[in-house]
Amino acid sequence: MSARARSLLILLAALVVAAWVWPTLYRYDKILVDQDSYLVRINRITGHADILVPEEGWIPAERRWDLGSDGSPGSRRT
């Protein structure tokens, strides 16, 4: 086997292993706001974070939350 073919085989094997070890695009975490827990998804490649707010869905972490009358995220009525 030539050196070029061996290098290509090693690269292909590394890509297959990476696909099995790193199965999802997002890493999930949580944040606490006023004793409430919110799910956060973080893109593993870009680092962009979204927060799951009830009744609003996934919103970018950089965007300000709509605060309801009680001051908690997602408490506004639609």
C-alpha atoms as a PDB file:
ATOM      1  CA  MET A   1       0.000   0.000   0.000  1.00  0.00           C
ATOM      2  CA  SER A   2       1.377   3.374  -0.976  1.00  0.00           C
ATOM      3  CA  ALA A   3       1.846   6.204   1.500  1.00  0.00           C
ATOM      4  CA  ARG A   4      -0.852   8.244  -0.227  1.00  0.00           C
ATOM      5  CA  ALA A   5      -3.393   5.418  -0.029  1.00  0.00           C
ATOM      6  CA  ARG A   6      -2.517   4.842   3.632  1.00  0.00           C
ATOM      7  CA  SER A   7      -2.992   8.534   4.446  1.00  0.00           C
ATOM      8  CA  LEU A   8      -6.337   8.546   2.656  1.00  0.00           C
ATOM      9  CA  LEU A   9      -7.454   5.441   4.547  1.00  0.00           C
ATOM     10  CA  ILE A  10      -6.446   6.989   7.890  1.00  0.00           C
ATOM     11  CA  LEU A  11      -8.332  10.189   7.038  1.00  0.00           C
ATOM     12  CA  LEU A  12     -11.433   8.220   6.070  1.00  0.00           C
ATOM     13  CA  ALA A  13     -11.249   6.193   9.305  1.00  0.00           C
ATOM     14  CA  ALA A  14     -10.896   9.398  11.358  1.00  0.00           C
ATOM     15  CA  LEU A  15     -13.984  10.882   9.687  1.00  0.00           C
ATOM     16  CA  VAL A  16     -16.021   7.740  10.403  1.00  0.00           C
ATOM     17  CA  VAL A  17     -14.936   7.743  14.067  1.00  0.00           C
ATOM     18  CA  ALA A  18     -15.731  11.473  14.368  1.00  0.00           C
ATOM     19  CA  ALA A  19     -19.233  10.842  12.992  1.00  0.00           C
ATOM     20  CA  TRP A  20     -19.848   8.209  15.705  1.00  0.00           C
ATOM     21  CA  VAL A  21     -18.285  10.157  18.582  1.00  0.00           C
ATOM     22  CA  TRP A  22     -19.849  13.503  17.681  1.00  0.00           C
ATOM     23  CA  PRO A  23     -23.379  12.453  16.746  1.00  0.00           C
ATOM     24  CA  THR A  24     -25.257  15.736  17.054  1.00  0.00           C
ATOM     25  CA  LEU A  25     -24.802  19.291  15.907  1.00  0.00           C
ATOM     26  CA  TYR A  26     -26.009  20.695  19.236  1.00  0.00           C
ATOM     27  CA  ARG A  27     -24.886  20.363  22.844  1.00  0.00           C
ATOM     28  CA  TYR A  28     -27.652  20.868  25.386  1.00  0.00           C
ATOM     29  CA  ASP A  29     -27.393  22.612  28.750  1.00  0.00           C
ATOM     30  CA  LYS A  30     -29.693  24.549  31.066  1.00  0.00           C
ATOM     31  CA  ILE A  31     -29.793  27.950  32.712  1.00  0.00           C
ATOM     32  CA  LEU A  32     -31.582  29.050  35.861  1.00  0.00           C
ATOM     33  CA  VAL A  33     -33.574  32.302  35.898  1.00  0.00           C
ATOM     34  CA  ASP A  34     -35.554  33.156  39.028  1.00  0.00           C
ATOM     35  CA  GLN A  35     -35.696  29.494  40.109  1.00  0.00           C
ATOM     36  CA  ASP A  36     -36.956  28.425  36.654  1.00  0.00           C
ATOM     37  CA  SER A  37     -34.869  26.140  34.457  1.00  0.00           C
ATOM     38  CA  TYR A  38     -34.612  26.761  30.690  1.00  0.00           C
ATOM     39  CA  LEU A  39     -33.108  24.451  28.077  1.00  0.00           C
ATOM     40  CA  VAL A  40     -30.203  25.879  26.060  1.00  0.00           C
ATOM     41  CA  ARG A  41     -28.832  24.389  22.841  1.00  0.00           C
ATOM     42  CA  ILE A  42     -25.345  25.340  21.719  1.00  0.00           C
ATOM     43  CA  ASN A  43     -24.118  24.743  18.176  1.00  0.00           C
ATOM     44  CA  ARG A  44     -20.890  22.739  18.461  1.00  0.00           C
ATOM     45  CA  ILE A  45     -19.370  24.324  15.363  1.00  0.00           C
ATOM     46  CA  THR A  46     -20.325  28.005  15.654  1.00  0.00           C
ATOM     47  CA  GLY A  47     -20.917  28.308  19.405  1.00  0.00           C
ATOM     48  CA  HIS A  48     -24.281  30.037  18.745  1.00  0.00           C
ATOM     49  CA  ALA A  49     -26.755  29.472  21.597  1.00  0.00           C
ATOM     50  CA  ASP A  50     -30.562  29.341  21.573  1.00  0.00           C
ATOM     51  CA  ILE A  51     -32.867  29.247  24.608  1.00  0.00           C
ATOM     52  CA  LEU A  52     -36.147  27.323  24.660  1.00  0.00           C
ATOM     53  CA  VAL A  53     -38.770  29.699  26.033  1.00  0.00           C
ATOM     54  CA  PRO A  54     -42.303  28.365  26.633  1.00  0.00           C
ATOM     55  CA  GLU A  55     -44.874  29.586  24.102  1.00  0.00           C
ATOM     56  CA  GLU A  56     -42.114  31.239  22.023  1.00  0.00           C
ATOM     57  CA  GLY A  57     -39.885  28.323  21.021  1.00  0.00           C
ATOM     58  CA  TRP A  58     -36.149  28.551  20.412  1.00  0.00           C
ATOM     59  CA  ILE A  59     -34.914  32.137  20.530  1.00  0.00           C
ATOM     60  CA  PRO A  60     -31.327  33.344  20.026  1.00  0.00           C
ATOM     61  CA  ALA A  61     -29.542  33.876  23.336  1.00  0.00           C
ATOM     62  CA  GLU A  62     -28.430  37.322  22.166  1.00  0.00           C
ATOM     63  CA  ARG A  63     -32.031  38.544  21.734  1.00  0.00           C
ATOM     64  CA  ARG A  64     -33.805  40.104  24.694  1.00  0.00           C
ATOM     65  CA  TRP A  65     -36.651  38.002  26.097  1.00  0.00           C
ATOM     66  CA  ASP A  66     -40.167  39.366  26.149  1.00  0.00           C
ATOM     67  CA  LEU A  67     -40.885  39.728  29.842  1.00  0.00           C
ATOM     68  CA  GLY A  68     -44.443  39.171  30.967  1.00  0.00           C
ATOM     69  CA  SER A  69     -46.291  40.913  33.732  1.00  0.00           C
ATOM     70  CA  ASP A  70     -44.648  38.731  36.368  1.00  0.00           C
ATOM     71  CA  GLY A  71     -41.181  39.372  34.900  1.00  0.00           C
ATOM     72  CA  SER A  72     -40.413  35.788  33.835  1.00  0.00           C
ATOM     73  CA  PRO A  73     -39.456  34.836  30.273  1.00  0.00           C
ATOM     74  CA  GLY A  74     -42.258  33.449  28.150  1.00  0.00           C
ATOM     75  CA  SER A  75     -45.006  34.490  30.561  1.00  0.00           C
ATOM     76  CA  ARG A  76     -46.684  36.818  28.108  1.00  0.00           C
ATOM     77  CA  ARG A  77     -50.051  35.723  26.812  1.00  0.00           C
ATOM     78  CA  THR A  78     -50.625  35.487  23.055  1.00  0.00           C
END
